[in-house]
Amino acid sequence: MPNLRISEAAALLGVSDDTVRRWIDQGRLSSVQLDSGRRGVEGAELAAFAQRAAENPEAGGPITTSARNRMRGIVTRVVKDGVMAQVERQAGPFRVVSRMSSDSAEELGLEVGSVAVASIKSTHVVVEIPEV
């Protein structure tokens, strides 16, 4: 059964190494001792944890949605030119780029440093702002 270093687990989940360590310390994720003597995570358990996290997202999301592929991230760039805006987000290791009207970007308050969720369904991306 494959075991992963904490840094590998964090990269796969799109979180920091410290977050994975905190989850281990809180008992949300079990750790194993790797051959190197360091702590790691069993691959099968990480897969199950990732599925549970996807099925039960943390507070701050919409109550219901039909979209299945949701990527929470931080806005890294907003470029507006008249009618259209291009919004770039970093969601874990993924760069997600969306194009929308400048009015929509302004109404959502999208600016560098904002947290936004990209809901990807079929051929379009829906941008949501999580509840605080």
N, C-alpha and C. Protein backbone atom coordinates (compact mmCIF):
# COMPACT_ATOMS: atom_id res chain seq x y z
N MET A 1 0.85 -1.17 0.00
CA MET A 1 0.00 0.00 0.00
C MET A 1 0.90 1.24 0.00
N PRO A 2 0.68 2.19 -0.92
CA PRO A 2 1.57 3.35 -0.99
C PRO A 2 1.36 4.32 0.18
N ASN A 3 2.47 4.84 0.64
CA ASN A 3 2.44 5.87 1.67
C ASN A 3 3.01 7.15 1.08
N LEU A 4 2.50 8.27 1.53
CA LEU A 4 2.91 9.57 1.00
C LEU A 4 3.52 10.43 2.09
N ARG A 5 4.50 11.23 1.72
CA ARG A 5 5.03 12.22 2.65
C ARG A 5 3.95 13.26 2.90
N ILE A 6 4.03 13.95 4.02
CA ILE A 6 3.05 14.98 4.35
C ILE A 6 3.02 16.06 3.27
N SER A 7 4.17 16.43 2.75
CA SER A 7 4.21 17.45 1.69
C SER A 7 3.49 16.98 0.43
N GLU A 8 3.60 15.69 0.10
CA GLU A 8 2.90 15.16 -1.06
C GLU A 8 1.39 15.16 -0.82
N ALA A 9 0.98 14.76 0.38
CA ALA A 9 -0.45 14.76 0.73
C ALA A 9 -1.01 16.17 0.65
N ALA A 10 -0.25 17.15 1.17
CA ALA A 10 -0.71 18.54 1.15
C ALA A 10 -0.87 19.03 -0.28
N ALA A 11 0.08 18.72 -1.14
CA ALA A 11 0.00 19.16 -2.54
C ALA A 11 -1.21 18.55 -3.23
N LEU A 12 -1.50 17.29 -2.95
CA LEU A 12 -2.65 16.64 -3.58
C LEU A 12 -3.97 17.23 -3.09
N LEU A 13 -4.01 17.67 -1.84
CA LEU A 13 -5.23 18.25 -1.27
C LEU A 13 -5.34 19.74 -1.51
N GLY A 14 -4.24 20.36 -1.96
CA GLY A 14 -4.26 21.80 -2.20
C GLY A 14 -4.20 22.62 -0.93
N VAL A 15 -3.53 22.08 0.11
CA VAL A 15 -3.39 22.78 1.38
C VAL A 15 -1.91 22.80 1.76
N SER A 16 -1.59 23.46 2.86
CA SER A 16 -0.20 23.52 3.32
C SER A 16 0.18 22.27 4.10
N ASP A 17 1.48 22.03 4.21
CA ASP A 17 1.98 20.93 5.04
C ASP A 17 1.47 21.07 6.47
N ASP A 18 1.46 22.31 6.98
CA ASP A 18 1.01 22.55 8.35
C ASP A 18 -0.45 22.17 8.54
N THR A 19 -1.27 22.39 7.52
CA THR A 19 -2.69 22.01 7.62
C THR A 19 -2.82 20.50 7.74
N VAL A 20 -2.07 19.75 6.94
CA VAL A 20 -2.11 18.29 7.04
C VAL A 20 -1.63 17.84 8.42
N ARG A 21 -0.56 18.44 8.92
CA ARG A 21 -0.08 18.09 10.28
C ARG A 21 -1.14 18.39 11.33
N ARG A 22 -1.81 19.53 11.19
CA ARG A 22 -2.87 19.90 12.13
C ARG A 22 -4.01 18.89 12.08
N TRP A 23 -4.40 18.46 10.87
CA TRP A 23 -5.46 17.45 10.74
C TRP A 23 -5.04 16.14 11.40
N ILE A 24 -3.78 15.78 11.27
CA ILE A 24 -3.26 14.56 11.92
C ILE A 24 -3.34 14.73 13.43
N ASP A 25 -2.87 15.86 13.93
CA ASP A 25 -2.89 16.12 15.38
C ASP A 25 -4.31 16.15 15.94
N GLN A 26 -5.28 16.60 15.13
CA GLN A 26 -6.68 16.66 15.55
C GLN A 26 -7.39 15.31 15.41
N GLY A 27 -6.72 14.34 14.80
CA GLY A 27 -7.32 13.02 14.62
C GLY A 27 -8.21 12.92 13.39
N ARG A 28 -8.22 13.94 12.56
CA ARG A 28 -9.05 13.90 11.34
C ARG A 28 -8.42 13.03 10.26
N LEU A 29 -7.11 12.81 10.37
CA LEU A 29 -6.35 12.04 9.39
C LEU A 29 -5.30 11.24 10.16
N SER A 30 -5.16 9.97 9.85
CA SER A 30 -4.17 9.13 10.55
C SER A 30 -2.82 9.24 9.87
N SER A 31 -1.77 9.07 10.65
CA SER A 31 -0.44 9.11 10.07
C SER A 31 0.22 7.74 10.22
N VAL A 32 1.23 7.53 9.41
CA VAL A 32 2.05 6.33 9.48
C VAL A 32 3.50 6.78 9.55
N GLN A 33 4.36 5.88 10.04
CA GLN A 33 5.78 6.20 10.06
C GLN A 33 6.40 5.69 8.78
N LEU A 34 7.06 6.56 8.05
CA LEU A 34 7.70 6.20 6.79
C LEU A 34 9.05 5.56 7.05
N ASP A 35 9.62 4.94 6.04
CA ASP A 35 10.94 4.32 6.17
C ASP A 35 12.00 5.33 6.61
N SER A 36 11.81 6.58 6.25
CA SER A 36 12.76 7.64 6.60
C SER A 36 12.66 8.03 8.08
N GLY A 37 11.61 7.52 8.77
CA GLY A 37 11.40 7.87 10.16
C GLY A 37 10.43 9.02 10.34
N ARG A 38 10.10 9.69 9.27
CA ARG A 38 9.16 10.81 9.32
C ARG A 38 7.72 10.31 9.27
N ARG A 39 6.80 11.24 9.63
CA ARG A 39 5.38 10.90 9.53
C ARG A 39 4.93 11.04 8.08
N GLY A 40 3.96 10.23 7.72
CA GLY A 40 3.37 10.29 6.40
C GLY A 40 1.91 9.90 6.49
N VAL A 41 1.29 9.73 5.34
CA VAL A 41 -0.12 9.38 5.28
C VAL A 41 -0.27 8.21 4.31
N GLU A 42 -1.07 7.23 4.71
CA GLU A 42 -1.35 6.09 3.84
C GLU A 42 -2.19 6.57 2.65
N GLY A 43 -1.81 6.16 1.44
CA GLY A 43 -2.48 6.62 0.24
C GLY A 43 -3.98 6.36 0.23
N ALA A 44 -4.39 5.16 0.64
CA ALA A 44 -5.81 4.82 0.63
C ALA A 44 -6.60 5.71 1.60
N GLU A 45 -6.00 5.99 2.77
CA GLU A 45 -6.70 6.85 3.72
C GLU A 45 -6.80 8.27 3.20
N LEU A 46 -5.75 8.75 2.54
CA LEU A 46 -5.80 10.10 1.97
C LEU A 46 -6.89 10.19 0.90
N ALA A 47 -7.02 9.15 0.08
CA ALA A 47 -8.05 9.14 -0.95
C ALA A 47 -9.44 9.20 -0.32
N ALA A 48 -9.66 8.43 0.73
CA ALA A 48 -10.96 8.44 1.41
C ALA A 48 -11.21 9.79 2.06
N PHE A 49 -10.18 10.38 2.67
CA PHE A 49 -10.29 11.70 3.30
C PHE A 49 -10.67 12.74 2.26
N ALA A 50 -10.01 12.70 1.09
CA ALA A 50 -10.29 13.67 0.02
C ALA A 50 -11.72 13.54 -0.47
N GLN A 51 -12.22 12.30 -0.57
CA GLN A 51 -13.60 12.10 -1.00
C GLN A 51 -14.57 12.64 0.04
N ARG A 52 -14.31 12.38 1.32
CA ARG A 52 -15.20 12.90 2.38
C ARG A 52 -15.20 14.42 2.36
N ALA A 53 -14.04 15.02 2.18
CA ALA A 53 -13.94 16.49 2.16
C ALA A 53 -14.72 17.06 0.97
N ALA A 54 -14.68 16.38 -0.17
CA ALA A 54 -15.41 16.86 -1.35
C ALA A 54 -16.91 16.72 -1.16
N GLU A 55 -17.33 15.66 -0.47
CA GLU A 55 -18.76 15.42 -0.25
C GLU A 55 -19.33 16.32 0.83
N ASN A 56 -18.50 16.72 1.79
CA ASN A 56 -18.92 17.56 2.91
C ASN A 56 -18.03 18.78 3.02
N PRO A 57 -18.19 19.75 2.09
CA PRO A 57 -17.32 20.92 2.12
C PRO A 57 -17.50 21.71 3.42
N GLU A 58 -16.43 22.42 3.78
CA GLU A 58 -16.46 23.23 5.00
C GLU A 58 -17.47 24.36 4.87
N ALA A 59 -17.83 24.95 6.00
CA ALA A 59 -18.78 26.06 6.02
C ALA A 59 -18.29 27.17 5.11
N GLY A 60 -19.23 27.91 4.57
CA GLY A 60 -18.88 29.02 3.70
C GLY A 60 -19.27 28.77 2.26
N GLY A 61 -19.79 27.58 1.97
CA GLY A 61 -20.19 27.28 0.60
C GLY A 61 -21.67 27.54 0.41
N PRO A 62 -22.12 27.45 -0.83
CA PRO A 62 -23.55 27.61 -1.07
C PRO A 62 -24.32 26.45 -0.45
N ILE A 63 -25.59 26.65 -0.18
CA ILE A 63 -26.39 25.61 0.45
C ILE A 63 -26.57 24.43 -0.50
N THR A 64 -26.91 24.68 -1.75
CA THR A 64 -27.01 23.61 -2.75
C THR A 64 -26.51 24.12 -4.09
N THR A 65 -26.06 23.19 -4.90
CA THR A 65 -25.62 23.52 -6.24
C THR A 65 -25.63 22.25 -7.06
N SER A 66 -25.81 22.39 -8.37
CA SER A 66 -25.77 21.21 -9.22
C SER A 66 -24.36 20.94 -9.73
N ALA A 67 -23.46 21.88 -9.56
CA ALA A 67 -22.09 21.70 -10.03
C ALA A 67 -21.33 20.75 -9.12
N ARG A 68 -20.56 19.86 -9.69
CA ARG A 68 -19.81 18.88 -8.91
C ARG A 68 -18.34 19.26 -8.74
N ASN A 69 -17.80 19.98 -9.68
CA ASN A 69 -16.38 20.33 -9.65
C ASN A 69 -16.22 21.75 -9.13
N ARG A 70 -15.96 21.87 -7.83
CA ARG A 70 -15.85 23.18 -7.20
C ARG A 70 -14.42 23.36 -6.72
N MET A 71 -13.81 24.48 -7.09
CA MET A 71 -12.42 24.74 -6.72
C MET A 71 -12.33 26.07 -5.99
N ARG A 72 -12.16 25.99 -4.67
CA ARG A 72 -12.01 27.19 -3.85
C ARG A 72 -10.58 27.68 -3.99
N GLY A 73 -10.43 28.97 -4.19
CA GLY A 73 -9.09 29.51 -4.37
C GLY A 73 -9.03 30.99 -4.06
N ILE A 74 -7.86 31.54 -4.28
CA ILE A 74 -7.64 32.96 -4.01
C ILE A 74 -7.40 33.68 -5.33
N VAL A 75 -8.01 34.85 -5.47
CA VAL A 75 -7.86 35.62 -6.71
C VAL A 75 -6.44 36.18 -6.75
N THR A 76 -5.74 35.91 -7.86
CA THR A 76 -4.36 36.37 -8.01
C THR A 76 -4.22 37.50 -9.02
N ARG A 77 -5.25 37.69 -9.88
CA ARG A 77 -5.15 38.75 -10.89
C ARG A 77 -6.54 39.05 -11.44
N VAL A 78 -6.82 40.32 -11.65
CA VAL A 78 -8.07 40.75 -12.29
C VAL A 78 -7.70 41.78 -13.35
N VAL A 79 -8.09 41.51 -14.59
CA VAL A 79 -7.83 42.44 -15.69
C VAL A 79 -9.17 42.80 -16.30
N LYS A 80 -9.50 44.10 -16.27
CA LYS A 80 -10.76 44.58 -16.85
C LYS A 80 -10.45 45.48 -18.04
N ASP A 81 -11.24 45.31 -19.10
CA ASP A 81 -11.12 46.22 -20.23
C ASP A 81 -12.51 46.50 -20.76
N GLY A 82 -13.08 47.55 -20.28
CA GLY A 82 -14.42 47.93 -20.73
C GLY A 82 -15.48 46.95 -20.28
N VAL A 83 -15.98 46.15 -21.22
CA VAL A 83 -17.11 45.27 -20.94
C VAL A 83 -16.70 43.97 -20.25
N MET A 84 -15.51 43.44 -20.52
CA MET A 84 -15.11 42.13 -20.03
C MET A 84 -14.02 42.21 -18.96
N ALA A 85 -13.96 41.15 -18.15
CA ALA A 85 -12.92 41.01 -17.13
C ALA A 85 -12.36 39.60 -17.20
N GLN A 86 -11.07 39.47 -16.93
CA GLN A 86 -10.43 38.17 -16.80
C GLN A 86 -9.99 38.03 -15.36
N VAL A 87 -10.45 36.97 -14.69
CA VAL A 87 -10.15 36.75 -13.28
C VAL A 87 -9.35 35.47 -13.16
N GLU A 88 -8.18 35.56 -12.52
CA GLU A 88 -7.33 34.38 -12.31
C GLU A 88 -7.33 34.03 -10.84
N ARG A 89 -7.48 32.72 -10.55
CA ARG A 89 -7.47 32.22 -9.18
C ARG A 89 -6.46 31.10 -9.08
N GLN A 90 -5.87 30.95 -7.91
CA GLN A 90 -5.03 29.81 -7.62
C GLN A 90 -5.80 28.94 -6.65
N ALA A 91 -6.11 27.71 -7.06
CA ALA A 91 -6.87 26.76 -6.24
C ALA A 91 -5.96 25.57 -6.00
N GLY A 92 -5.25 25.57 -4.88
CA GLY A 92 -4.25 24.53 -4.66
C GLY A 92 -3.20 24.66 -5.75
N PRO A 93 -2.87 23.56 -6.42
CA PRO A 93 -1.86 23.64 -7.48
C PRO A 93 -2.42 24.09 -8.82
N PHE A 94 -3.72 24.42 -8.87
CA PHE A 94 -4.36 24.73 -10.14
C PHE A 94 -4.58 26.22 -10.33
N ARG A 95 -4.27 26.70 -11.52
CA ARG A 95 -4.57 28.08 -11.92
C ARG A 95 -5.86 28.02 -12.71
N VAL A 96 -6.87 28.74 -12.26
CA VAL A 96 -8.18 28.74 -12.92
C VAL A 96 -8.44 30.15 -13.44
N VAL A 97 -8.68 30.28 -14.73
CA VAL A 97 -8.91 31.57 -15.37
C VAL A 97 -10.35 31.62 -15.84
N SER A 98 -11.06 32.70 -15.52
CA SER A 98 -12.45 32.88 -15.93
C SER A 98 -12.59 34.23 -16.64
N ARG A 99 -13.47 34.25 -17.60
CA ARG A 99 -13.83 35.51 -18.25
C ARG A 99 -15.29 35.77 -17.97
N MET A 100 -15.58 37.01 -17.60
CA MET A 100 -16.95 37.41 -17.26
C MET A 100 -17.09 38.88 -17.56
N SER A 101 -18.29 39.39 -17.41
CA SER A 101 -18.47 40.82 -17.64
C SER A 101 -17.77 41.59 -16.51
N SER A 102 -17.32 42.79 -16.83
CA SER A 102 -16.70 43.64 -15.80
C SER A 102 -17.70 43.94 -14.69
N ASP A 103 -18.98 44.13 -15.07
CA ASP A 103 -20.02 44.37 -14.07
C ASP A 103 -20.11 43.20 -13.08
N SER A 104 -20.06 41.96 -13.57
CA SER A 104 -20.13 40.80 -12.69
C SER A 104 -18.95 40.76 -11.73
N ALA A 105 -17.76 41.02 -12.25
CA ALA A 105 -16.56 41.02 -11.40
C ALA A 105 -16.68 42.08 -10.31
N GLU A 106 -17.21 43.25 -10.66
CA GLU A 106 -17.38 44.32 -9.68
C GLU A 106 -18.45 43.96 -8.66
N GLU A 107 -19.59 43.41 -9.12
CA GLU A 107 -20.67 43.03 -8.21
C GLU A 107 -20.22 41.97 -7.20
N LEU A 108 -19.35 41.05 -7.65
CA LEU A 108 -18.83 40.02 -6.75
C LEU A 108 -17.70 40.53 -5.87
N GLY A 109 -17.20 41.73 -6.18
CA GLY A 109 -16.11 42.29 -5.39
C GLY A 109 -14.80 41.55 -5.60
N LEU A 110 -14.60 41.02 -6.80
CA LEU A 110 -13.40 40.24 -7.07
C LEU A 110 -12.20 41.16 -7.23
N GLU A 111 -11.21 40.93 -6.40
CA GLU A 111 -9.96 41.68 -6.45
C GLU A 111 -8.87 40.76 -5.93
N VAL A 112 -7.63 41.11 -6.19
CA VAL A 112 -6.52 40.28 -5.73
C VAL A 112 -6.63 40.08 -4.22
N GLY A 113 -6.56 38.83 -3.81
CA GLY A 113 -6.67 38.49 -2.39
C GLY A 113 -8.05 38.00 -1.98
N SER A 114 -9.07 38.19 -2.85
CA SER A 114 -10.41 37.71 -2.55
C SER A 114 -10.45 36.18 -2.64
N VAL A 115 -11.29 35.56 -1.81
CA VAL A 115 -11.52 34.12 -1.91
C VAL A 115 -12.73 33.94 -2.81
N ALA A 116 -12.60 33.04 -3.79
CA ALA A 116 -13.70 32.77 -4.72
C ALA A 116 -13.70 31.29 -5.06
N VAL A 117 -14.87 30.79 -5.39
CA VAL A 117 -15.03 29.38 -5.76
C VAL A 117 -15.37 29.31 -7.24
N ALA A 118 -14.61 28.51 -7.98
CA ALA A 118 -14.93 28.26 -9.39
C ALA A 118 -15.72 26.96 -9.44
N SER A 119 -16.94 27.04 -9.92
CA SER A 119 -17.77 25.85 -10.12
C SER A 119 -17.73 25.52 -11.59
N ILE A 120 -17.16 24.39 -11.91
CA ILE A 120 -16.94 24.03 -13.30
C ILE A 120 -17.95 22.96 -13.70
N LYS A 121 -18.72 23.27 -14.70
CA LYS A 121 -19.73 22.32 -15.17
C LYS A 121 -19.78 22.40 -16.69
N SER A 122 -19.53 21.31 -17.33
CA SER A 122 -19.59 21.20 -18.77
C SER A 122 -18.66 22.22 -19.42
N THR A 123 -19.19 23.16 -20.17
CA THR A 123 -18.34 24.07 -20.93
C THR A 123 -18.25 25.47 -20.34
N HIS A 124 -18.75 25.68 -19.12
CA HIS A 124 -18.65 27.02 -18.54
C HIS A 124 -18.26 26.94 -17.06
N VAL A 125 -17.81 28.07 -16.55
CA VAL A 125 -17.38 28.16 -15.16
C VAL A 125 -18.27 29.17 -14.45
N VAL A 126 -18.80 28.80 -13.29
CA VAL A 126 -19.63 29.68 -12.48
C VAL A 126 -18.77 30.13 -11.30
N VAL A 127 -18.70 31.43 -11.04
CA VAL A 127 -17.92 31.95 -9.93
C VAL A 127 -18.86 32.29 -8.78
N GLU A 128 -18.54 31.81 -7.57
CA GLU A 128 -19.34 32.06 -6.38
C GLU A 128 -18.48 32.69 -5.30
N ILE A 129 -19.08 33.44 -4.43
CA ILE A 129 -18.39 33.98 -3.26
C ILE A 129 -18.92 33.21 -2.05
N PRO A 130 -18.04 32.56 -1.25
CA PRO A 130 -18.53 31.80 -0.10
C PRO A 130 -19.11 32.70 0.97
N GLU A 131 -20.10 32.15 1.70
CA GLU A 131 -20.67 32.89 2.83
C GLU A 131 -19.62 32.99 3.92
N VAL A 132 -19.61 34.08 4.63
CA VAL A 132 -18.61 34.27 5.69
C VAL A 132 -19.23 33.96 7.03
